[in-house]
Amino acid sequence: MILLSIVSQTFKTGAKMNKKQLVAKLAGSLNQSKADAERTFDTITNTILDALKNDDSVKIAGFGTYKVAKRKARIGRNPRTGEQIQIAASQKVKFLPAKALKEVFNK
């Protein structure tokens, strides 16, 4: 699995990777131009985003699951004043790593 090998190689060296560097690695792994690899990457990320916007989860075998978690509205406290404030309901994206991905880092 190309993505898993790129992730494990990057984190073993302690380096940080941005989109440009990830696209360059994909281009090399897939024997594509960087422009084609970037279009491929953008298509994948846009497909994941569209699924999440439609309240679907995205499960990538051996890598993990992306899903939208909904948080209810609640009452919180301002840490400076201690005053109660209303915190609006919100949504966030959660990533749950697959067993194979966890094993890469817990050898």
PDB file of N, CA and C in Angstrom:
ATOM      1  N   MET A   1       0.857  -1.177   0.000  1.00  0.00           N
ATOM      2  CA  MET A   1       0.000   0.000   0.000  1.00  0.00           C
ATOM      3  C   MET A   1       0.895   1.230   0.000  1.00  0.00           C
ATOM      4  N   ILE A   2       0.786   2.012  -1.055  1.00  0.00           N
ATOM      5  CA  ILE A   2       1.676   3.150  -1.278  1.00  0.00           C
ATOM      6  C   ILE A   2       1.555   4.190  -0.185  1.00  0.00           C
ATOM      7  N   LEU A   3       0.329   4.584   0.155  1.00  0.00           N
ATOM      8  CA  LEU A   3       0.119   5.639   1.143  1.00  0.00           C
ATOM      9  C   LEU A   3       0.688   5.257   2.501  1.00  0.00           C
ATOM     10  N   LEU A   4       0.467   4.021   2.915  1.00  0.00           N
ATOM     11  CA  LEU A   4       0.963   3.562   4.213  1.00  0.00           C
ATOM     12  C   LEU A   4       2.489   3.563   4.237  1.00  0.00           C
ATOM     13  N   SER A   5       3.125   3.172   3.129  1.00  0.00           N
ATOM     14  CA  SER A   5       4.584   3.164   3.102  1.00  0.00           C
ATOM     15  C   SER A   5       5.150   4.582   3.121  1.00  0.00           C
ATOM     16  N   ILE A   6       4.485   5.520   2.444  1.00  0.00           N
ATOM     17  CA  ILE A   6       4.936   6.917   2.470  1.00  0.00           C
ATOM     18  C   ILE A   6       4.809   7.491   3.874  1.00  0.00           C
ATOM     19  N   VAL A   7       3.689   7.216   4.533  1.00  0.00           N
ATOM     20  CA  VAL A   7       3.473   7.712   5.895  1.00  0.00           C
ATOM     21  C   VAL A   7       4.508   7.134   6.842  1.00  0.00           C
ATOM     22  N   SER A   8       4.741   5.824   6.774  1.00  0.00           N
ATOM     23  CA  SER A   8       5.672   5.207   7.712  1.00  0.00           C
ATOM     24  C   SER A   8       7.101   5.680   7.473  1.00  0.00           C
ATOM     25  N   GLN A   9       7.502   5.880   6.212  1.00  0.00           N
ATOM     26  CA  GLN A   9       8.851   6.373   5.922  1.00  0.00           C
ATOM     27  C   GLN A   9       9.032   7.784   6.449  1.00  0.00           C
ATOM     28  N   THR A  10       8.018   8.608   6.312  1.00  0.00           N
ATOM     29  CA  THR A  10       8.115   9.996   6.743  1.00  0.00           C
ATOM     30  C   THR A  10       8.244  10.099   8.248  1.00  0.00           C
ATOM     31  N   PHE A  11       7.427   9.368   8.991  1.00  0.00           N
ATOM     32  CA  PHE A  11       7.440   9.510  10.437  1.00  0.00           C
ATOM     33  C   PHE A  11       8.599   8.781  11.081  1.00  0.00           C
ATOM     34  N   LYS A  12       9.177   7.789  10.432  1.00  0.00           N
ATOM     35  CA  LYS A  12      10.350   7.136  10.998  1.00  0.00           C
ATOM     36  C   LYS A  12      11.530   8.087  11.032  1.00  0.00           C
ATOM     37  N   THR A  13      11.598   8.997  10.051  1.00  0.00           N
ATOM     38  CA  THR A  13      12.706   9.940  10.015  1.00  0.00           C
ATOM     39  C   THR A  13      12.428  11.185  10.848  1.00  0.00           C
ATOM     40  N   GLY A  14      11.211  11.342  11.332  1.00  0.00           N
ATOM     41  CA  GLY A  14      10.865  12.493  12.147  1.00  0.00           C
ATOM     42  C   GLY A  14      10.599  13.744  11.337  1.00  0.00           C
ATOM     43  N   ALA A  15      10.540  13.628  10.019  1.00  0.00           N
ATOM     44  CA  ALA A  15      10.323  14.787   9.155  1.00  0.00           C
ATOM     45  C   ALA A  15       8.848  15.133   9.085  1.00  0.00           C
ATOM     46  N   LYS A  16       8.575  16.372   8.725  1.00  0.00           N
ATOM     47  CA  LYS A  16       7.205  16.810   8.483  1.00  0.00           C
ATOM     48  C   LYS A  16       7.024  16.903   6.976  1.00  0.00           C
ATOM     49  N   MET A  17       5.826  16.583   6.520  1.00  0.00           N
ATOM     50  CA  MET A  17       5.586  16.579   5.094  1.00  0.00           C
ATOM     51  C   MET A  17       4.399  17.480   4.777  1.00  0.00           C
ATOM     52  N   ASN A  18       4.567  18.371   3.797  1.00  0.00           N
ATOM     53  CA  ASN A  18       3.463  19.201   3.351  1.00  0.00           C
ATOM     54  C   ASN A  18       2.899  18.624   2.054  1.00  0.00           C
ATOM     55  N   LYS A  19       1.883  19.279   1.516  1.00  0.00           N
ATOM     56  CA  LYS A  19       1.217  18.758   0.321  1.00  0.00           C
ATOM     57  C   LYS A  19       2.186  18.628  -0.857  1.00  0.00           C
ATOM     58  N   LYS A  20       3.010  19.625  -1.056  1.00  0.00           N
ATOM     59  CA  LYS A  20       3.951  19.611  -2.183  1.00  0.00           C
ATOM     60  C   LYS A  20       4.894  18.412  -2.094  1.00  0.00           C
ATOM     61  N   GLN A  21       5.397  18.141  -0.901  1.00  0.00           N
ATOM     62  CA  GLN A  21       6.304  17.009  -0.715  1.00  0.00           C
ATOM     63  C   GLN A  21       5.577  15.681  -0.876  1.00  0.00           C
ATOM     64  N   LEU A  22       4.352  15.595  -0.387  1.00  0.00           N
ATOM     65  CA  LEU A  22       3.560  14.378  -0.534  1.00  0.00           C
ATOM     66  C   LEU A  22       3.271  14.113  -2.006  1.00  0.00           C
ATOM     67  N   VAL A  23       2.916  15.151  -2.749  1.00  0.00           N
ATOM     68  CA  VAL A  23       2.653  15.001  -4.184  1.00  0.00           C
ATOM     69  C   VAL A  23       3.915  14.542  -4.906  1.00  0.00           C
ATOM     70  N   ALA A  24       5.065  15.069  -4.530  1.00  0.00           N
ATOM     71  CA  ALA A  24       6.328  14.656  -5.162  1.00  0.00           C
ATOM     72  C   ALA A  24       6.598  13.164  -4.904  1.00  0.00           C
ATOM     73  N   LYS A  25       6.351  12.700  -3.686  1.00  0.00           N
ATOM     74  CA  LYS A  25       6.542  11.275  -3.374  1.00  0.00           C
ATOM     75  C   LYS A  25       5.544  10.412  -4.141  1.00  0.00           C
ATOM     76  N   LEU A  26       4.290  10.871  -4.228  1.00  0.00           N
ATOM     77  CA  LEU A  26       3.288  10.136  -4.994  1.00  0.00           C
ATOM     78  C   LEU A  26       3.695  10.045  -6.462  1.00  0.00           C
ATOM     79  N   ALA A  27       4.169  11.138  -7.007  1.00  0.00           N
ATOM     80  CA  ALA A  27       4.591  11.160  -8.409  1.00  0.00           C
ATOM     81  C   ALA A  27       5.690  10.130  -8.645  1.00  0.00           C
ATOM     82  N   GLY A  28       6.646  10.063  -7.733  1.00  0.00           N
ATOM     83  CA  GLY A  28       7.724   9.089  -7.868  1.00  0.00           C
ATOM     84  C   GLY A  28       7.236   7.663  -7.718  1.00  0.00           C
ATOM     85  N   SER A  29       6.345   7.423  -6.765  1.00  0.00           N
ATOM     86  CA  SER A  29       5.832   6.069  -6.521  1.00  0.00           C
ATOM     87  C   SER A  29       4.942   5.570  -7.650  1.00  0.00           C
ATOM     88  N   LEU A  30       4.193   6.498  -8.259  1.00  0.00           N
ATOM     89  CA  LEU A  30       3.243   6.108  -9.302  1.00  0.00           C
ATOM     90  C   LEU A  30       3.788   6.320 -10.713  1.00  0.00           C
ATOM     91  N   ASN A  31       5.040   6.765 -10.818  1.00  0.00           N
ATOM     92  CA  ASN A  31       5.651   7.074 -12.117  1.00  0.00           C
ATOM     93  C   ASN A  31       4.775   8.029 -12.919  1.00  0.00           C
ATOM     94  N   GLN A  32       4.318   9.091 -12.257  1.00  0.00           N
ATOM     95  CA  GLN A  32       3.505  10.120 -12.887  1.00  0.00           C
ATOM     96  C   GLN A  32       4.236  11.451 -12.797  1.00  0.00           C
ATOM     97  N   SER A  33       3.763  12.414 -13.581  1.00  0.00           N
ATOM     98  CA  SER A  33       4.294  13.763 -13.434  1.00  0.00           C
ATOM     99  C   SER A  33       3.739  14.335 -12.130  1.00  0.00           C
ATOM    100  N   LYS A  34       4.391  15.380 -11.643  1.00  0.00           N
ATOM    101  CA  LYS A  34       3.902  16.006 -10.407  1.00  0.00           C
ATOM    102  C   LYS A  34       2.509  16.599 -10.617  1.00  0.00           C
ATOM    103  N   ALA A  35       2.245  17.119 -11.803  1.00  0.00           N
ATOM    104  CA  ALA A  35       0.922  17.691 -12.092  1.00  0.00           C
ATOM    105  C   ALA A  35      -0.151  16.611 -12.045  1.00  0.00           C
ATOM    106  N   ASP A  36       0.136  15.445 -12.635  1.00  0.00           N
ATOM    107  CA  ASP A  36      -0.831  14.338 -12.597  1.00  0.00           C
ATOM    108  C   ASP A  36      -1.022  13.828 -11.168  1.00  0.00           C
ATOM    109  N   ALA A  37       0.074  13.730 -10.430  1.00  0.00           N
ATOM    110  CA  ALA A  37      -0.014  13.273  -9.039  1.00  0.00           C
ATOM    111  C   ALA A  37      -0.811  14.259  -8.202  1.00  0.00           C
ATOM    112  N   GLU A  38      -0.641  15.556  -8.460  1.00  0.00           N
ATOM    113  CA  GLU A  38      -1.398  16.557  -7.704  1.00  0.00           C
ATOM    114  C   GLU A  38      -2.885  16.473  -8.036  1.00  0.00           C
ATOM    115  N   ARG A  39      -3.225  16.267  -9.313  1.00  0.00           N
ATOM    116  CA  ARG A  39      -4.633  16.096  -9.688  1.00  0.00           C
ATOM    117  C   ARG A  39      -5.214  14.855  -9.019  1.00  0.00           C
ATOM    118  N   THR A  40      -4.439  13.784  -8.964  1.00  0.00           N
ATOM    119  CA  THR A  40      -4.883  12.560  -8.295  1.00  0.00           C
ATOM    120  C   THR A  40      -5.125  12.831  -6.811  1.00  0.00           C
ATOM    121  N   PHE A  41      -4.158  13.490  -6.176  1.00  0.00           N
ATOM    122  CA  PHE A  41      -4.277  13.817  -4.751  1.00  0.00           C
ATOM    123  C   PHE A  41      -5.499  14.699  -4.496  1.00  0.00           C
ATOM    124  N   ASP A  42      -5.684  15.738  -5.318  1.00  0.00           N
ATOM    125  CA  ASP A  42      -6.825  16.647  -5.148  1.00  0.00           C
ATOM    126  C   ASP A  42      -8.145  15.912  -5.348  1.00  0.00           C
ATOM    127  N   THR A  43      -8.187  14.995  -6.307  1.00  0.00           N
ATOM    128  CA  THR A  43      -9.402  14.220  -6.535  1.00  0.00           C
ATOM    129  C   THR A  43      -9.736  13.366  -5.320  1.00  0.00           C
ATOM    130  N   ILE A  44      -8.730  12.734  -4.746  1.00  0.00           N
ATOM    131  CA  ILE A  44      -8.946  11.895  -3.562  1.00  0.00           C
ATOM    132  C   ILE A  44      -9.427  12.740  -2.386  1.00  0.00           C
ATOM    133  N   THR A  45      -8.754  13.850  -2.124  1.00  0.00           N
ATOM    134  CA  THR A  45      -9.151  14.675  -0.976  1.00  0.00           C
ATOM    135  C   THR A  45     -10.536  15.289  -1.189  1.00  0.00           C
ATOM    136  N   ASN A  46     -10.853  15.705  -2.402  1.00  0.00           N
ATOM    137  CA  ASN A  46     -12.175  16.267  -2.671  1.00  0.00           C
ATOM    138  C   ASN A  46     -13.264  15.209  -2.540  1.00  0.00           C
ATOM    139  N   THR A  47     -12.969  13.985  -2.939  1.00  0.00           N
ATOM    140  CA  THR A  47     -13.932  12.893  -2.795  1.00  0.00           C
ATOM    141  C   THR A  47     -14.201  12.613  -1.321  1.00  0.00           C
ATOM    142  N   ILE A  48     -13.141  12.616  -0.509  1.00  0.00           N
ATOM    143  CA  ILE A  48     -13.303  12.417   0.935  1.00  0.00           C
ATOM    144  C   ILE A  48     -14.110  13.557   1.538  1.00  0.00           C
ATOM    145  N   LEU A  49     -13.794  14.802   1.159  1.00  0.00           N
ATOM    146  CA  LEU A  49     -14.524  15.958   1.690  1.00  0.00           C
ATOM    147  C   LEU A  49     -15.998  15.916   1.297  1.00  0.00           C
ATOM    148  N   ASP A  50     -16.290  15.564   0.050  1.00  0.00           N
ATOM    149  CA  ASP A  50     -17.683  15.480  -0.393  1.00  0.00           C
ATOM    150  C   ASP A  50     -18.450  14.434   0.413  1.00  0.00           C
ATOM    151  N   ALA A  51     -17.815  13.293   0.660  1.00  0.00           N
ATOM    152  CA  ALA A  51     -18.468  12.246   1.444  1.00  0.00           C
ATOM    153  C   ALA A  51     -18.734  12.736   2.869  1.00  0.00           C
ATOM    154  N   LEU A  52     -17.765  13.410   3.470  1.00  0.00           N
ATOM    155  CA  LEU A  52     -17.937  13.916   4.832  1.00  0.00           C
ATOM    156  C   LEU A  52     -19.020  14.994   4.889  1.00  0.00           C
ATOM    157  N   LYS A  53     -19.092  15.842   3.868  1.00  0.00           N
ATOM    158  CA  LYS A  53     -20.132  16.869   3.820  1.00  0.00           C
ATOM    159  C   LYS A  53     -21.522  16.241   3.749  1.00  0.00           C
ATOM    160  N   ASN A  54     -21.605  15.055   3.137  1.00  0.00           N
ATOM    161  CA  ASN A  54     -22.879  14.341   3.031  1.00  0.00           C
ATOM    162  C   ASN A  54     -23.124  13.437   4.234  1.00  0.00           C
ATOM    163  N   ASP A  55     -22.336  13.630   5.289  1.00  0.00           N
ATOM    164  CA  ASP A  55     -22.486  12.878   6.535  1.00  0.00           C
ATOM    165  C   ASP A  55     -22.151  11.398   6.392  1.00  0.00           C
ATOM    166  N   ASP A  56     -21.343  11.053   5.392  1.00  0.00           N
ATOM    167  CA  ASP A  56     -20.878   9.675   5.221  1.00  0.00           C
ATOM    168  C   ASP A  56     -19.520   9.542   5.890  1.00  0.00           C
ATOM    169  N   SER A  57     -19.153   8.327   6.262  1.00  0.00           N
ATOM    170  CA  SER A  57     -17.795   8.094   6.746  1.00  0.00           C
ATOM    171  C   SER A  57     -17.005   7.484   5.595  1.00  0.00           C
ATOM    172  N   VAL A  58     -15.688   7.660   5.640  1.00  0.00           N
ATOM    173  CA  VAL A  58     -14.809   7.135   4.602  1.00  0.00           C
ATOM    174  C   VAL A  58     -13.836   6.178   5.257  1.00  0.00           C
ATOM    175  N   LYS A  59     -13.923   4.908   4.886  1.00  0.00           N
ATOM    176  CA  LYS A  59     -13.058   3.889   5.464  1.00  0.00           C
ATOM    177  C   LYS A  59     -12.057   3.435   4.415  1.00  0.00           C
ATOM    178  N   ILE A  60     -10.776   3.596   4.738  1.00  0.00           N
ATOM    179  CA  ILE A  60      -9.695   3.172   3.854  1.00  0.00           C
ATOM    180  C   ILE A  60      -9.018   1.998   4.541  1.00  0.00           C
ATOM    181  N   ALA A  61      -9.209   0.814   3.984  1.00  0.00           N
ATOM    182  CA  ALA A  61      -8.693  -0.410   4.604  1.00  0.00           C
ATOM    183  C   ALA A  61      -7.187  -0.300   4.823  1.00  0.00           C
ATOM    184  N   GLY A  62      -6.755  -0.654   6.021  1.00  0.00           N
ATOM    185  CA  GLY A  62      -5.339  -0.617   6.357  1.00  0.00           C
ATOM    186  C   GLY A  62      -4.823   0.758   6.730  1.00  0.00           C
ATOM    187  N   PHE A  63      -5.641   1.787   6.571  1.00  0.00           N
ATOM    188  CA  PHE A  63      -5.207   3.147   6.892  1.00  0.00           C
ATOM    189  C   PHE A  63      -6.050   3.744   8.011  1.00  0.00           C
ATOM    190  N   GLY A  64      -7.369   3.844   7.803  1.00  0.00           N
ATOM    191  CA  GLY A  64      -8.216   4.378   8.852  1.00  0.00           C
ATOM    192  C   GLY A  64      -9.552   4.842   8.338  1.00  0.00           C
ATOM    193  N   THR A  65     -10.316   5.468   9.222  1.00  0.00           N
ATOM    194  CA  THR A  65     -11.664   5.935   8.908  1.00  0.00           C
ATOM    195  C   THR A  65     -11.798   7.410   9.251  1.00  0.00           C
ATOM    196  N   TYR A  66     -12.330   8.169   8.302  1.00  0.00           N
ATOM    197  CA  TYR A  66     -12.675   9.570   8.531  1.00  0.00           C
ATOM    198  C   TYR A  66     -14.173   9.618   8.761  1.00  0.00           C
ATOM    199  N   LYS A  67     -14.602  10.362   9.774  1.00  0.00           N
ATOM    200  CA  LYS A  67     -16.030  10.540   9.990  1.00  0.00           C
ATOM    201  C   LYS A  67     -16.284  11.880  10.666  1.00  0.00           C
ATOM    202  N   VAL A  68     -17.532  12.334  10.552  1.00  0.00           N
ATOM    203  CA  VAL A  68     -17.920  13.602  11.150  1.00  0.00           C
ATOM    204  C   VAL A  68     -18.508  13.324  12.529  1.00  0.00           C
ATOM    205  N   ALA A  69     -17.987  14.004  13.521  1.00  0.00           N
ATOM    206  CA  ALA A  69     -18.504  13.889  14.884  1.00  0.00           C
ATOM    207  C   ALA A  69     -19.280  15.165  15.193  1.00  0.00           C
ATOM    208  N   LYS A  70     -20.461  14.992  15.722  1.00  0.00           N
ATOM    209  CA  LYS A  70     -21.308  16.146  16.054  1.00  0.00           C
ATOM    210  C   LYS A  70     -21.243  16.405  17.549  1.00  0.00           C
ATOM    211  N   ARG A  71     -21.034  17.668  17.894  1.00  0.00           N
ATOM    212  CA  ARG A  71     -21.003  18.059  19.306  1.00  0.00           C
ATOM    213  C   ARG A  71     -22.248  18.870  19.608  1.00  0.00           C
ATOM    214  N   LYS A  72     -22.920  18.520  20.681  1.00  0.00           N
ATOM    215  CA  LYS A  72     -24.139  19.225  21.077  1.00  0.00           C
ATOM    216  C   LYS A  72     -23.796  20.589  21.647  1.00  0.00           C
ATOM    217  N   ALA A  73     -24.769  21.485  21.599  1.00  0.00           N
ATOM    218  CA  ALA A  73     -24.610  22.792  22.249  1.00  0.00           C
ATOM    219  C   ALA A  73     -24.494  22.554  23.755  1.00  0.00           C
ATOM    220  N   ARG A  74     -23.709  23.386  24.394  1.00  0.00           N
ATOM    221  CA  ARG A  74     -23.513  23.184  25.830  1.00  0.00           C
ATOM    222  C   ARG A  74     -23.159  24.514  26.489  1.00  0.00           C
ATOM    223  N   ILE A  75     -23.156  24.482  27.789  1.00  0.00           N
ATOM    224  CA  ILE A  75     -22.780  25.667  28.562  1.00  0.00           C
ATOM    225  C   ILE A  75     -21.359  25.472  29.060  1.00  0.00           C
ATOM    226  N   GLY A  76     -20.536  26.480  28.835  1.00  0.00           N
ATOM    227  CA  GLY A  76     -19.156  26.441  29.296  1.00  0.00           C
ATOM    228  C   GLY A  76     -18.885  27.633  30.197  1.00  0.00           C
ATOM    229  N   ARG A  77     -17.645  27.787  30.577  1.00  0.00           N
ATOM    230  CA  ARG A  77     -17.249  28.908  31.433  1.00  0.00           C
ATOM    231  C   ARG A  77     -16.096  29.665  30.803  1.00  0.00           C
ATOM    232  N   ASN A  78     -16.169  30.970  30.904  1.00  0.00           N
ATOM    233  CA  ASN A  78     -15.056  31.811  30.496  1.00  0.00           C
ATOM    234  C   ASN A  78     -13.983  31.651  31.570  1.00  0.00           C
ATOM    235  N   PRO A  79     -12.784  31.184  31.223  1.00  0.00           N
ATOM    236  CA  PRO A  79     -11.767  30.934  32.248  1.00  0.00           C
ATOM    237  C   PRO A  79     -11.284  32.195  32.970  1.00  0.00           C
ATOM    238  N   ARG A  80     -11.389  33.352  32.336  1.00  0.00           N
ATOM    239  CA  ARG A  80     -10.953  34.593  32.984  1.00  0.00           C
ATOM    240  C   ARG A  80     -11.953  35.107  34.003  1.00  0.00           C
ATOM    241  N   THR A  81     -13.222  35.104  33.584  1.00  0.00           N
ATOM    242  CA  THR A  81     -14.234  35.733  34.432  1.00  0.00           C
ATOM    243  C   THR A  81     -15.070  34.726  35.207  1.00  0.00           C
ATOM    244  N   GLY A  82     -15.070  33.487  34.784  1.00  0.00           N
ATOM    245  CA  GLY A  82     -15.896  32.477  35.418  1.00  0.00           C
ATOM    246  C   GLY A  82     -17.348  32.548  34.964  1.00  0.00           C
ATOM    247  N   GLU A  83     -17.643  33.478  34.073  1.00  0.00           N
ATOM    248  CA  GLU A  83     -18.999  33.683  33.573  1.00  0.00           C
ATOM    249  C   GLU A  83     -19.414  32.506  32.676  1.00  0.00           C
ATOM    250  N   GLN A  84     -20.672  32.091  32.792  1.00  0.00           N
ATOM    251  CA  GLN A  84     -21.182  31.023  31.944  1.00  0.00           C
ATOM    252  C   GLN A  84     -21.415  31.560  30.537  1.00  0.00           C
ATOM    253  N   ILE A  85     -21.037  30.750  29.541  1.00  0.00           N
ATOM    254  CA  ILE A  85     -21.262  31.122  28.149  1.00  0.00           C
ATOM    255  C   ILE A  85     -21.897  29.947  27.417  1.00  0.00           C
ATOM    256  N   GLN A  86     -22.661  30.279  26.400  1.00  0.00           N
ATOM    257  CA  GLN A  86     -23.304  29.256  25.584  1.00  0.00           C
ATOM    258  C   GLN A  86     -22.343  28.883  24.455  1.00  0.00           C
ATOM    259  N   ILE A  87     -22.004  27.610  24.350  1.00  0.00           N
ATOM    260  CA  ILE A  87     -21.152  27.119  23.271  1.00  0.00           C
ATOM    261  C   ILE A  87     -22.070  26.458  22.251  1.00  0.00           C
ATOM    262  N   ALA A  88     -22.008  26.934  21.026  1.00  0.00           N
ATOM    263  CA  ALA A  88     -22.893  26.448  19.965  1.00  0.00           C
ATOM    264  C   ALA A  88     -22.551  25.013  19.579  1.00  0.00           C
ATOM    265  N   ALA A  89     -23.534  24.325  19.028  1.00  0.00           N
ATOM    266  CA  ALA A  89     -23.307  22.981  18.491  1.00  0.00           C
ATOM    267  C   ALA A  89     -22.309  23.094  17.344  1.00  0.00           C
ATOM    268  N   SER A  90     -21.496  22.073  17.154  1.00  0.00           N
ATOM    269  CA  SER A  90     -20.502  22.117  16.088  1.00  0.00           C
ATOM    270  C   SER A  90     -20.233  20.709  15.564  1.00  0.00           C
ATOM    271  N   GLN A  91     -19.505  20.666  14.488  1.00  0.00           N
ATOM    272  CA  GLN A  91     -19.099  19.399  13.893  1.00  0.00           C
ATOM    273  C   GLN A  91     -17.590  19.432  13.699  1.00  0.00           C
ATOM    274  N   LYS A  92     -16.970  18.266  13.793  1.00  0.00           N
ATOM    275  CA  LYS A  92     -15.546  18.180  13.513  1.00  0.00           C
ATOM    276  C   LYS A  92     -15.273  16.857  12.821  1.00  0.00           C
ATOM    277  N   VAL A  93     -14.173  16.809  12.117  1.00  0.00           N
ATOM    278  CA  VAL A  93     -13.785  15.583  11.438  1.00  0.00           C
ATOM    279  C   VAL A  93     -12.884  14.785  12.371  1.00  0.00           C
ATOM    280  N   LYS A  94     -13.209  13.503  12.516  1.00  0.00           N
ATOM    281  CA  LYS A  94     -12.405  12.595  13.336  1.00  0.00           C
ATOM    282  C   LYS A  94     -11.712  11.598  12.416  1.00  0.00           C
ATOM    283  N   PHE A  95     -10.508  11.245  12.782  1.00  0.00           N
ATOM    284  CA  PHE A  95      -9.795  10.192  12.066  1.00  0.00           C
ATOM    285  C   PHE A  95      -9.490   9.081  13.061  1.00  0.00           C
ATOM    286  N   LEU A  96      -9.932   7.885  12.735  1.00  0.00           N
ATOM    287  CA  LEU A  96      -9.667   6.718  13.571  1.00  0.00           C
ATOM    288  C   LEU A  96      -8.693   5.816  12.820  1.00  0.00           C
ATOM    289  N   PRO A  97      -7.454   5.704  13.271  1.00  0.00           N
ATOM    290  CA  PRO A  97      -6.479   4.896  12.550  1.00  0.00           C
ATOM    291  C   PRO A  97      -6.826   3.414  12.573  1.00  0.00           C
ATOM    292  N   ALA A  98      -6.525   2.751  11.468  1.00  0.00           N
ATOM    293  CA  ALA A  98      -6.742   1.306  11.368  1.00  0.00           C
ATOM    294  C   ALA A  98      -5.659   0.571  12.153  1.00  0.00           C
ATOM    295  N   LYS A  99      -5.906  -0.692  12.424  1.00  0.00           N
ATOM    296  CA  LYS A  99      -4.965  -1.515  13.180  1.00  0.00           C
ATOM    297  C   LYS A  99      -3.594  -1.550  12.494  1.00  0.00           C
ATOM    298  N   ALA A 100      -3.590  -1.685  11.167  1.00  0.00           N
ATOM    299  CA  ALA A 100      -2.325  -1.754  10.424  1.00  0.00           C
ATOM    300  C   ALA A 100      -1.513  -0.473  10.585  1.00  0.00           C
ATOM    301  N   LEU A 101      -2.180   0.674  10.585  1.00  0.00           N
ATOM    302  CA  LEU A 101      -1.482   1.947  10.759  1.00  0.00           C
ATOM    303  C   LEU A 101      -0.930   2.075  12.167  1.00  0.00           C
ATOM    304  N   LYS A 102      -1.707   1.654  13.150  1.00  0.00           N
ATOM    305  CA  LYS A 102      -1.221   1.693  14.536  1.00  0.00           C
ATOM    306  C   LYS A 102       0.009   0.813  14.707  1.00  0.00           C
ATOM    307  N   GLU A 103       0.000  -0.342  14.054  1.00  0.00           N
ATOM    308  CA  GLU A 103       1.115  -1.283  14.200  1.00  0.00           C
ATOM    309  C   GLU A 103       2.410  -0.734  13.626  1.00  0.00           C
ATOM    310  N   VAL A 104       2.308   0.136  12.607  1.00  0.00           N
ATOM    311  CA  VAL A 104       3.512   0.747  12.026  1.00  0.00           C
ATOM    312  C   VAL A 104       4.266   1.535  13.078  1.00  0.00           C
ATOM    313  N   PHE A 105       3.520   2.160  13.995  1.00  0.00           N
ATOM    314  CA  PHE A 105       4.151   3.028  14.998  1.00  0.00           C
ATOM    315  C   PHE A 105       4.365   2.358  16.340  1.00  0.00           C
ATOM    316  N   ASN A 106       3.837   1.173  16.518  1.00  0.00           N
ATOM    317  CA  ASN A 106       3.961   0.484  17.809  1.00  0.00           C
ATOM    318  C   ASN A 106       4.671  -0.851  17.676  1.00  0.00           C
ATOM    319  N   LYS A 107       5.726  -0.863  16.885  1.00  0.00           N
ATOM    320  CA  LYS A 107       6.485  -2.113  16.708  1.00  0.00           C
ATOM    321  C   LYS A 107       7.368  -2.375  17.893  1.00  0.00           C
TER     322      LYS A 107
END
